[in-house]
C-alpha cells in the first residue's frame, strides 16, 4: 500500500501542494495521504507518529515530498528510516527522483540530506538570534506582547467547564504552551 506524508511548519505554507504532487506523481489515494501543520524541529508530530506507529505495515511504502518533511535533525531522521527499514516499509522522496532511501546508496544520500536540513535549521536560528540582538541594541525589540489577563480568565473558565486545551487554544487564538504556562501561574 502507498501512503504519503505532507508537512509544513506554518499555515501560510501550502501542505495541499505537497499532497497534490504525491497524488499526481505516485497515484496515491488521497485518503492515504496524511497532512500536518507542525514544526519539523520536534519529534512530537502526532500525525506522523500515528502513521508510522499504527498505519504502516510490512510491504507498504511511505512517500514524502522532501526529506526535511520527516524532520530537521539528522539523528531523528536516520532513526525513523531505520525503524521503517526494520519493519520492511519503503521510503520514497519526491525531490530525489524517487530514490528508495532504505537502500544502502539511499541511506548514504539520506544521511547527507538530513545533515543539510539540520544545518539549515541551525543557520535559520542563528540568523534569528543575530537579528533579535541587533533589534535590541537599536531599541526596536520589545519581545512578545503580553497576553491579556481576560484571555486567561476565559481560558480558566472554559477549562473548568470541561473544554480541552486544544479547543480552548483554537477558540481564543492562543498557543497551547502559552495557555499551560499562563494558567499554571494562576494556580
Protein backbone atom coordinates (compact mmCIF):
# COMPACT_ATOMS: atom_id res chain seq x y z
CA UNK A 1 0.00 0.00 0.00
CA UNK A 2 1.20 3.53 -0.77
CA UNK A 3 0.99 6.25 1.88
CA UNK A 4 2.01 9.88 1.65
CA UNK A 5 3.07 12.34 4.31
CA UNK A 6 2.93 16.10 3.70
CA UNK A 7 4.02 18.54 6.40
CA UNK A 8 4.52 22.28 6.62
CA UNK A 9 5.59 24.36 9.59
CA UNK A 10 3.12 27.22 9.28
CA UNK A 11 -0.39 27.69 7.93
CA UNK A 12 0.99 30.20 5.40
CA UNK A 13 2.79 27.36 3.65
CA UNK A 14 0.84 25.09 1.32
CA UNK A 15 0.61 21.50 2.55
CA UNK A 16 -2.00 20.76 -0.13
CA UNK A 17 0.57 21.41 -2.86
CA UNK A 18 2.85 18.69 -1.46
CA UNK A 19 -0.08 16.30 -1.17
CA UNK A 20 -1.17 17.02 -4.73
CA UNK A 21 2.34 16.28 -6.05
CA UNK A 22 2.29 12.92 -4.27
CA UNK A 23 -1.16 12.10 -5.67
CA UNK A 24 -0.29 13.13 -9.23
CA UNK A 25 3.18 11.57 -9.42
CA UNK A 26 2.67 8.34 -7.49
CA UNK A 27 -1.04 7.66 -7.79
CA UNK A 28 -1.53 7.66 -4.04
CA UNK A 29 -5.15 7.54 -2.89
CA UNK A 30 -5.88 10.98 -1.32
CA UNK A 31 -7.28 9.16 1.73
CA UNK A 32 -3.82 7.63 2.26
CA UNK A 33 -2.07 10.99 2.47
CA UNK A 34 -1.51 12.35 5.95
CA UNK A 35 -1.21 16.13 6.11
CA UNK A 36 0.11 18.06 9.07
CA UNK A 37 0.99 21.63 10.00
CA UNK A 38 3.65 21.16 12.63
CA UNK A 39 7.24 22.23 13.14
CA UNK A 40 9.92 19.85 11.92
CA UNK A 41 12.27 20.80 14.74
CA UNK A 42 10.50 18.49 17.18
CA UNK A 43 9.76 14.77 17.07
CA UNK A 44 6.32 15.41 18.50
CA UNK A 45 4.43 15.33 15.20
CA UNK A 46 1.21 13.48 16.05
CA UNK A 47 0.07 12.66 12.52
CA UNK A 48 3.48 11.25 11.51
CA UNK A 49 3.75 9.29 14.76
CA UNK A 50 0.34 7.74 14.17
CA UNK A 51 1.16 6.95 10.53
CA UNK A 52 4.47 5.29 11.39
CA UNK A 53 3.32 3.66 14.61
CA UNK A 54 -0.11 2.35 13.70
CA UNK A 55 -0.79 2.55 9.97
CA UNK A 56 2.30 1.45 8.03
CA UNK A 57 2.80 -2.30 7.64
CA UNK A 58 5.43 -4.54 6.09
CA UNK A 59 5.43 -4.08 2.33
CA UNK A 60 3.96 -0.57 2.44
CA UNK A 61 5.81 2.44 1.05
CA UNK A 62 5.89 5.92 2.53
CA UNK A 63 6.20 8.82 0.07
CA UNK A 64 7.31 12.31 1.13
CA UNK A 65 7.98 15.48 -0.82
CA UNK A 66 11.35 16.32 0.75
CA UNK A 67 13.50 14.67 3.43
CA UNK A 68 13.09 17.71 5.69
CA UNK A 69 9.37 16.86 5.94
CA UNK A 70 10.38 13.94 8.18
CA UNK A 71 12.45 16.12 10.50
CA UNK A 72 15.24 18.62 10.84
CA UNK A 73 17.63 16.58 12.98
CA UNK A 74 19.86 14.04 11.30
CA UNK A 75 19.70 11.55 14.16
CA UNK A 76 15.87 11.63 14.25
CA UNK A 77 15.52 11.15 10.50
CA UNK A 78 18.03 8.29 10.50
CA UNK A 79 16.25 6.66 13.42
CA UNK A 80 12.92 6.91 11.61
CA UNK A 81 14.39 5.40 8.44
CA UNK A 82 15.94 2.55 10.43
CA UNK A 83 12.57 1.88 12.05
CA UNK A 84 10.89 1.82 8.64
CA UNK A 85 13.58 -0.46 7.25
CA UNK A 86 13.30 -2.86 10.21
CA UNK A 87 9.55 -3.07 9.57
CA UNK A 88 10.17 -3.54 5.81
CA UNK A 89 8.50 -0.27 4.87
CA UNK A 90 9.94 1.57 1.86
CA UNK A 91 10.62 5.31 1.81
CA UNK A 92 10.47 7.34 -1.39
CA UNK A 93 11.37 11.05 -1.57
CA UNK A 94 9.88 13.02 -4.47
CA UNK A 95 12.72 15.54 -4.77
CA UNK A 96 15.25 12.73 -5.06
CA UNK A 97 13.73 11.31 -8.23
CA UNK A 98 12.01 8.55 -6.31
CA UNK A 99 15.14 7.15 -4.68
CA UNK A 100 14.37 4.44 -2.11
CA UNK A 101 16.17 5.72 0.97
CA UNK A 102 16.14 2.35 2.67
CA UNK A 103 18.73 1.03 0.15
CA UNK A 104 22.46 1.34 1.03
CA UNK A 105 23.00 4.15 -1.50
CA UNK A 106 19.79 5.78 -0.38
CA UNK A 107 20.90 5.70 3.27
CA UNK A 108 24.14 7.50 2.37
CA UNK A 109 22.22 10.13 0.46
CA UNK A 110 19.70 10.36 3.28
CA UNK A 111 22.41 10.98 5.86
CA UNK A 112 23.86 13.84 3.83
CA UNK A 113 20.46 15.41 3.16
CA UNK A 114 19.30 15.07 6.75
CA UNK A 115 22.52 16.75 7.88
CA UNK A 116 21.88 19.60 5.42
CA UNK A 117 18.32 20.00 6.72
CA UNK A 118 19.65 20.17 10.28
CA UNK A 119 22.31 22.72 9.28
CA UNK A 120 19.63 24.78 7.53
CA UNK A 121 17.55 24.90 10.74
CA UNK A 122 20.57 25.85 12.87
CA UNK A 123 21.53 28.58 10.40
CA UNK A 124 18.00 29.95 10.49
CA UNK A 125 18.03 30.04 14.30
CA UNK A 126 21.44 31.74 14.33
CA UNK A 127 20.23 34.43 11.93
CA UNK A 128 17.14 34.94 14.06
CA UNK A 129 19.26 35.30 17.20
CA UNK A 130 21.54 37.84 15.48
CA UNK A 131 18.51 39.80 14.25
CA UNK A 132 16.98 39.92 17.72
CA UNK A 133 20.28 41.07 19.26
CA UNK A 134 20.60 43.82 16.64
CA UNK A 135 16.99 44.94 17.20
CA UNK A 136 17.56 45.04 20.97
CA UNK A 137 20.67 47.23 20.54
CA UNK A 138 18.68 49.58 18.32
CA UNK A 139 15.82 49.66 20.82
CA UNK A 140 13.38 48.14 18.34
CA UNK A 141 12.79 44.81 20.06
CA UNK A 142 10.22 44.63 22.80
CA UNK A 143 9.71 40.89 22.86
CA UNK A 144 6.35 39.21 22.63
CA UNK A 145 3.23 41.13 23.55
CA UNK A 146 1.95 40.10 26.95
CA UNK A 147 -1.24 38.08 26.92
CA UNK A 148 -4.23 39.91 28.28
CA UNK A 149 -5.44 38.73 31.70
CA UNK A 150 -9.03 38.45 30.45
CA UNK A 151 -7.98 35.83 27.92
CA UNK A 152 -6.50 33.65 30.66
CA UNK A 153 -9.57 34.19 32.85
CA UNK A 154 -11.74 32.98 29.97
CA UNK A 155 -9.43 30.02 29.37
CA UNK A 156 -9.61 29.01 33.04
CA UNK A 157 -13.40 29.24 32.97
CA UNK A 158 -13.62 27.16 29.77
CA UNK A 159 -11.25 24.57 31.23
CA UNK A 160 -13.39 24.37 34.39
CA UNK A 161 -16.38 23.67 32.14
CA UNK A 162 -14.55 20.64 30.74
CA UNK A 163 -13.27 22.02 27.44
CA UNK A 164 -9.88 20.66 26.30
CA UNK A 165 -6.77 22.82 25.96
CA UNK A 166 -6.62 22.27 22.18
CA UNK A 167 -10.18 23.56 21.75
CA UNK A 168 -9.59 26.49 24.09
CA UNK A 169 -6.40 27.44 22.25
CA UNK A 170 -8.20 27.46 18.90
CA UNK A 171 -11.17 29.36 20.25
CA UNK A 172 -9.04 32.06 21.90
CA UNK A 173 -6.35 32.08 19.19
CA UNK A 174 -3.61 31.42 21.74
CA UNK A 175 -0.90 28.77 21.67
CA UNK A 176 -1.35 25.70 23.85
CA UNK A 177 2.01 26.16 25.55
CA UNK A 178 1.09 29.77 26.35
CA UNK A 179 -2.17 28.59 27.92
CA UNK A 180 -0.43 25.95 30.02
CA UNK A 181 2.22 28.45 31.16
CA UNK A 182 -0.16 31.30 31.98
CA UNK A 183 -2.82 29.10 33.59
CA UNK A 184 -0.06 27.46 35.67
CA UNK A 185 0.93 30.85 37.05
CA UNK A 186 -2.58 31.28 38.43
CA UNK A 187 -2.65 28.05 40.46
